Amino acid sequence: MMRKCCRRSGLKLLWCCAVVLTGLYCSCKTARDTATGKPNLAAVTPGTCNIEAEIINIIPPAVTDTSSLCARYPCRANVKIRAVFGCGSAVSLPVNGDDIVEMKFAYSLADTKAIPDMTVHFPGLKKGDIFIANIRQQMVMGAQEVFVVYDYEKKVIH
């Protein structure tokens, strides 16, 4: 009797862990429109904000590990928030229009076509460029929050 109970509760625990991990994995991705493949700004997930921003200046790479993507290509920039379309729950310090914040670009600010073995494509951003993105707030122990851009769409101004 005891064995069956333990086996059953073990399976329940395993199933619960699988559900939680799947939820965390899915919440880390930017929601995309299935027809266009572009970021879906209507969908705001916990810990993220949908924004329009402008690159104020690009911070040169400071990483000394040359095998790192961010040592070879710039990954950080100061950006001015032009508009906030919404923030999800769990954003402890939401951004506001006209805020200037440092952001990390997970796939660099370079055109990803120029980066060997890169499977995603982003056109790259430079000073003055405007983009729309879903940014993720990451908490860093003993430091201020970090906003990370995993996905963006460069805005073309005519």
C-alpha atoms as a PDB file:
ATOM      1  CA  MET A   1       0.000   0.000   0.000  1.00  0.00           C
ATOM      2  CA  MET A   2       2.789   2.404   0.898  1.00  0.00           C
ATOM      3  CA  ARG A   3       4.652   1.712  -2.361  1.00  0.00           C
ATOM      4  CA  LYS A   4       1.651   2.570  -4.563  1.00  0.00           C
ATOM      5  CA  CYS A   5       1.095   5.828  -2.707  1.00  0.00           C
ATOM      6  CA  CYS A   6       4.746   6.863  -3.021  1.00  0.00           C
ATOM      7  CA  ARG A   7       4.871   5.928  -6.682  1.00  0.00           C
ATOM      8  CA  ARG A   8       1.687   7.877  -7.389  1.00  0.00           C
ATOM      9  CA  SER A   9       2.873  10.999  -5.518  1.00  0.00           C
ATOM     10  CA  GLY A  10       6.218  10.762  -7.311  1.00  0.00           C
ATOM     11  CA  LEU A  11       4.452  10.791 -10.664  1.00  0.00           C
ATOM     12  CA  LYS A  12       2.332  13.739  -9.573  1.00  0.00           C
ATOM     13  CA  LEU A  13       5.460  15.635  -8.552  1.00  0.00           C
ATOM     14  CA  LEU A  14       7.144  14.846 -11.864  1.00  0.00           C
ATOM     15  CA  TRP A  15       4.055  15.953 -13.788  1.00  0.00           C
ATOM     16  CA  CYS A  16       3.813  19.221 -11.809  1.00  0.00           C
ATOM     17  CA  CYS A  17       7.496  19.981 -12.441  1.00  0.00           C
ATOM     18  CA  ALA A  18       7.024  19.356 -16.171  1.00  0.00           C
ATOM     19  CA  VAL A  19       4.033  21.726 -16.287  1.00  0.00           C
ATOM     20  CA  VAL A  20       5.900  24.474 -14.402  1.00  0.00           C
ATOM     21  CA  LEU A  21       9.041  24.165 -16.539  1.00  0.00           C
ATOM     22  CA  THR A  22       6.996  24.212 -19.746  1.00  0.00           C
ATOM     23  CA  GLY A  23       5.208  27.350 -18.539  1.00  0.00           C
ATOM     24  CA  LEU A  24       8.499  29.069 -17.744  1.00  0.00           C
ATOM     25  CA  TYR A  25       9.982  28.091 -21.091  1.00  0.00           C
ATOM     26  CA  CYS A  26       6.988  29.388 -23.032  1.00  0.00           C
ATOM     27  CA  SER A  27       6.787  32.649 -21.070  1.00  0.00           C
ATOM     28  CA  CYS A  28      10.391  33.499 -21.992  1.00  0.00           C
ATOM     29  CA  LYS A  29       9.609  33.667 -25.681  1.00  0.00           C
ATOM     30  CA  THR A  30       8.204  36.777 -27.292  1.00  0.00           C
ATOM     31  CA  ALA A  31       4.688  36.226 -28.532  1.00  0.00           C
ATOM     32  CA  ARG A  32       4.595  36.300 -32.348  1.00  0.00           C
ATOM     33  CA  ASP A  33       1.816  36.729 -34.857  1.00  0.00           C
ATOM     34  CA  THR A  34       1.507  33.343 -36.565  1.00  0.00           C
ATOM     35  CA  ALA A  35       0.767  34.834 -39.999  1.00  0.00           C
ATOM     36  CA  THR A  36       3.562  37.433 -40.175  1.00  0.00           C
ATOM     37  CA  GLY A  37       6.105  36.073 -37.679  1.00  0.00           C
ATOM     38  CA  LYS A  38       6.479  39.595 -36.264  1.00  0.00           C
ATOM     39  CA  PRO A  39       6.273  40.435 -32.542  1.00  0.00           C
ATOM     40  CA  ASN A  40       2.692  40.512 -31.264  1.00  0.00           C
ATOM     41  CA  LEU A  41       2.575  43.675 -29.198  1.00  0.00           C
ATOM     42  CA  ALA A  42      -0.922  42.909 -27.989  1.00  0.00           C
ATOM     43  CA  ALA A  43       0.455  40.011 -25.945  1.00  0.00           C
ATOM     44  CA  VAL A  44       2.272  41.137 -22.812  1.00  0.00           C
ATOM     45  CA  THR A  45       3.649  38.298 -20.718  1.00  0.00           C
ATOM     46  CA  PRO A  46       4.708  38.480 -17.064  1.00  0.00           C
ATOM     47  CA  GLY A  47       8.006  40.311 -16.599  1.00  0.00           C
ATOM     48  CA  THR A  48       7.897  42.032 -19.999  1.00  0.00           C
ATOM     49  CA  CYS A  49       6.991  45.408 -21.489  1.00  0.00           C
ATOM     50  CA  ASN A  50       6.157  46.261 -25.084  1.00  0.00           C
ATOM     51  CA  ILE A  51       7.915  49.452 -26.092  1.00  0.00           C
ATOM     52  CA  GLU A  52       9.004  51.744 -28.878  1.00  0.00           C
ATOM     53  CA  ALA A  53      12.478  53.154 -28.280  1.00  0.00           C
ATOM     54  CA  GLU A  54      15.376  54.983 -29.890  1.00  0.00           C
ATOM     55  CA  ILE A  55      19.063  54.083 -29.669  1.00  0.00           C
ATOM     56  CA  ILE A  56      20.819  56.988 -27.923  1.00  0.00           C
ATOM     57  CA  ASN A  57      24.298  55.477 -27.882  1.00  0.00           C
ATOM     58  CA  ILE A  58      25.873  52.061 -28.244  1.00  0.00           C
ATOM     59  CA  ILE A  59      28.111  50.893 -25.399  1.00  0.00           C
ATOM     60  CA  PRO A  60      31.320  49.277 -26.726  1.00  0.00           C
ATOM     61  CA  PRO A  61      31.947  45.641 -25.755  1.00  0.00           C
ATOM     62  CA  ALA A  62      33.750  45.319 -22.414  1.00  0.00           C
ATOM     63  CA  VAL A  63      33.797  41.543 -22.153  1.00  0.00           C
ATOM     64  CA  THR A  64      37.310  40.101 -22.259  1.00  0.00           C
ATOM     65  CA  ASP A  65      36.243  36.555 -23.192  1.00  0.00           C
ATOM     66  CA  THR A  66      36.721  36.647 -26.977  1.00  0.00           C
ATOM     67  CA  SER A  67      34.561  33.558 -27.517  1.00  0.00           C
ATOM     68  CA  SER A  68      31.536  35.473 -26.235  1.00  0.00           C
ATOM     69  CA  LEU A  69      29.185  37.044 -28.786  1.00  0.00           C
ATOM     70  CA  CYS A  70      29.139  40.274 -26.761  1.00  0.00           C
ATOM     71  CA  ALA A  71      32.953  40.490 -26.824  1.00  0.00           C
ATOM     72  CA  ARG A  72      32.954  40.568 -30.607  1.00  0.00           C
ATOM     73  CA  TYR A  73      29.776  42.578 -31.259  1.00  0.00           C
ATOM     74  CA  PRO A  74      28.125  45.341 -29.211  1.00  0.00           C
ATOM     75  CA  CYS A  75      25.250  44.026 -27.086  1.00  0.00           C
ATOM     76  CA  ARG A  76      24.441  47.015 -24.867  1.00  0.00           C
ATOM     77  CA  ALA A  77      22.958  50.402 -25.616  1.00  0.00           C
ATOM     78  CA  ASN A  78      21.349  53.324 -23.862  1.00  0.00           C
ATOM     79  CA  VAL A  79      17.874  53.752 -25.278  1.00  0.00           C
ATOM     80  CA  LYS A  80      15.215  56.412 -24.892  1.00  0.00           C
ATOM     81  CA  ILE A  81      11.731  55.013 -24.384  1.00  0.00           C
ATOM     82  CA  ARG A  82       9.402  56.744 -26.826  1.00  0.00           C
ATOM     83  CA  ALA A  83       6.219  54.824 -25.959  1.00  0.00           C
ATOM     84  CA  VAL A  84       5.123  52.016 -23.650  1.00  0.00           C
ATOM     85  CA  PHE A  85       2.309  49.876 -25.053  1.00  0.00           C
ATOM     86  CA  GLY A  86       1.933  47.840 -21.868  1.00  0.00           C
ATOM     87  CA  CYS A  87       3.752  45.915 -19.152  1.00  0.00           C
ATOM     88  CA  GLY A  88       2.879  42.511 -17.782  1.00  0.00           C
ATOM     89  CA  SER A  89       2.651  41.471 -14.185  1.00  0.00           C
ATOM     90  CA  ALA A  90       5.894  40.919 -12.285  1.00  0.00           C
ATOM     91  CA  VAL A  91       7.587  44.008 -13.759  1.00  0.00           C
ATOM     92  CA  SER A  92       8.880  45.584 -10.561  1.00  0.00           C
ATOM     93  CA  LEU A  93      10.100  48.801 -12.155  1.00  0.00           C
ATOM     94  CA  PRO A  94       8.150  49.562 -15.329  1.00  0.00           C
ATOM     95  CA  VAL A  95       9.628  51.918 -17.909  1.00  0.00           C
ATOM     96  CA  ASN A  96       7.885  55.134 -18.893  1.00  0.00           C
ATOM     97  CA  GLY A  97       7.973  57.382 -21.925  1.00  0.00           C
ATOM     98  CA  ASP A  98      11.124  59.572 -22.069  1.00  0.00           C
ATOM     99  CA  ASP A  99      13.054  57.263 -19.696  1.00  0.00           C
ATOM    100  CA  ILE A 100      16.618  56.531 -20.770  1.00  0.00           C
ATOM    101  CA  VAL A 101      17.688  53.033 -19.784  1.00  0.00           C
ATOM    102  CA  GLU A 102      20.528  50.674 -20.582  1.00  0.00           C
ATOM    103  CA  MET A 103      19.409  47.539 -22.390  1.00  0.00           C
ATOM    104  CA  LYS A 104      21.150  44.346 -23.350  1.00  0.00           C
ATOM    105  CA  PHE A 105      20.439  42.938 -26.807  1.00  0.00           C
ATOM    106  CA  ALA A 106      20.648  39.148 -26.535  1.00  0.00           C
ATOM    107  CA  TYR A 107      21.688  38.692 -30.180  1.00  0.00           C
ATOM    108  CA  SER A 108      23.798  41.884 -30.369  1.00  0.00           C
ATOM    109  CA  LEU A 109      23.158  45.191 -32.094  1.00  0.00           C
ATOM    110  CA  ALA A 110      24.970  44.017 -35.230  1.00  0.00           C
ATOM    111  CA  ASP A 111      23.222  42.745 -38.330  1.00  0.00           C
ATOM    112  CA  THR A 112      22.959  39.059 -37.483  1.00  0.00           C
ATOM    113  CA  LYS A 113      23.534  38.026 -41.104  1.00  0.00           C
ATOM    114  CA  ALA A 114      27.192  38.959 -40.525  1.00  0.00           C
ATOM    115  CA  ILE A 115      27.495  36.699 -37.475  1.00  0.00           C
ATOM    116  CA  PRO A 116      28.611  33.132 -38.268  1.00  0.00           C
ATOM    117  CA  ASP A 117      26.250  30.328 -37.177  1.00  0.00           C
ATOM    118  CA  MET A 118      23.456  32.757 -36.223  1.00  0.00           C
ATOM    119  CA  THR A 119      20.079  31.169 -36.926  1.00  0.00           C
ATOM    120  CA  VAL A 120      17.895  34.219 -36.215  1.00  0.00           C
ATOM    121  CA  HIS A 121      17.959  37.361 -38.319  1.00  0.00           C
ATOM    122  CA  PHE A 122      17.825  40.923 -37.052  1.00  0.00           C
ATOM    123  CA  PRO A 123      18.836  43.891 -39.224  1.00  0.00           C
ATOM    124  CA  GLY A 124      21.041  45.543 -36.606  1.00  0.00           C
ATOM    125  CA  LEU A 125      20.585  48.894 -34.908  1.00  0.00           C
ATOM    126  CA  LYS A 126      22.727  52.024 -34.746  1.00  0.00           C
ATOM    127  CA  LYS A 127      22.534  55.397 -33.011  1.00  0.00           C
ATOM    128  CA  GLY A 128      19.279  57.166 -33.858  1.00  0.00           C
ATOM    129  CA  ASP A 129      17.426  54.018 -34.990  1.00  0.00           C
ATOM    130  CA  ILE A 130      13.913  53.485 -33.661  1.00  0.00           C
ATOM    131  CA  PHE A 131      12.653  50.014 -32.854  1.00  0.00           C
ATOM    132  CA  ILE A 132       9.670  48.212 -31.363  1.00  0.00           C
ATOM    133  CA  ALA A 133      10.380  45.396 -28.927  1.00  0.00           C
ATOM    134  CA  ASN A 134       9.129  43.214 -26.161  1.00  0.00           C
ATOM    135  CA  ILE A 135      11.710  43.697 -23.393  1.00  0.00           C
ATOM    136  CA  ARG A 136      12.176  41.324 -20.478  1.00  0.00           C
ATOM    137  CA  GLN A 137      13.086  42.601 -17.038  1.00  0.00           C
ATOM    138  CA  GLN A 138      15.670  40.434 -15.316  1.00  0.00           C
ATOM    139  CA  MET A 139      16.517  40.830 -11.675  1.00  0.00           C
ATOM    140  CA  VAL A 140      20.208  40.695 -10.828  1.00  0.00           C
ATOM    141  CA  MET A 141      21.158  40.040  -7.210  1.00  0.00           C
ATOM    142  CA  GLY A 142      22.835  43.097  -5.686  1.00  0.00           C
ATOM    143  CA  ALA A 143      22.373  45.207  -8.815  1.00  0.00           C
ATOM    144  CA  GLN A 144      19.686  47.137 -10.585  1.00  0.00           C
ATOM    145  CA  GLU A 145      17.249  45.465 -12.949  1.00  0.00           C
ATOM    146  CA  VAL A 146      18.447  44.636 -16.446  1.00  0.00           C
ATOM    147  CA  PHE A 147      16.202  44.923 -19.484  1.00  0.00           C
ATOM    148  CA  VAL A 148      16.952  42.384 -22.195  1.00  0.00           C
ATOM    149  CA  VAL A 149      15.807  42.576 -25.813  1.00  0.00           C
ATOM    150  CA  TYR A 150      15.416  39.125 -27.358  1.00  0.00           C
ATOM    151  CA  ASP A 151      13.349  40.282 -30.299  1.00  0.00           C
ATOM    152  CA  TYR A 152      12.862  43.604 -32.045  1.00  0.00           C
ATOM    153  CA  GLU A 153      11.508  45.135 -35.193  1.00  0.00           C
ATOM    154  CA  LYS A 154      13.368  48.095 -36.677  1.00  0.00           C
ATOM    155  CA  LYS A 155      10.995  50.927 -37.484  1.00  0.00           C
ATOM    156  CA  VAL A 156      11.426  52.400 -40.937  1.00  0.00           C
ATOM    157  CA  ILE A 157      10.823  56.142 -41.067  1.00  0.00           C
ATOM    158  CA  HIS A 158       9.995  57.578 -44.457  1.00  0.00           C
END
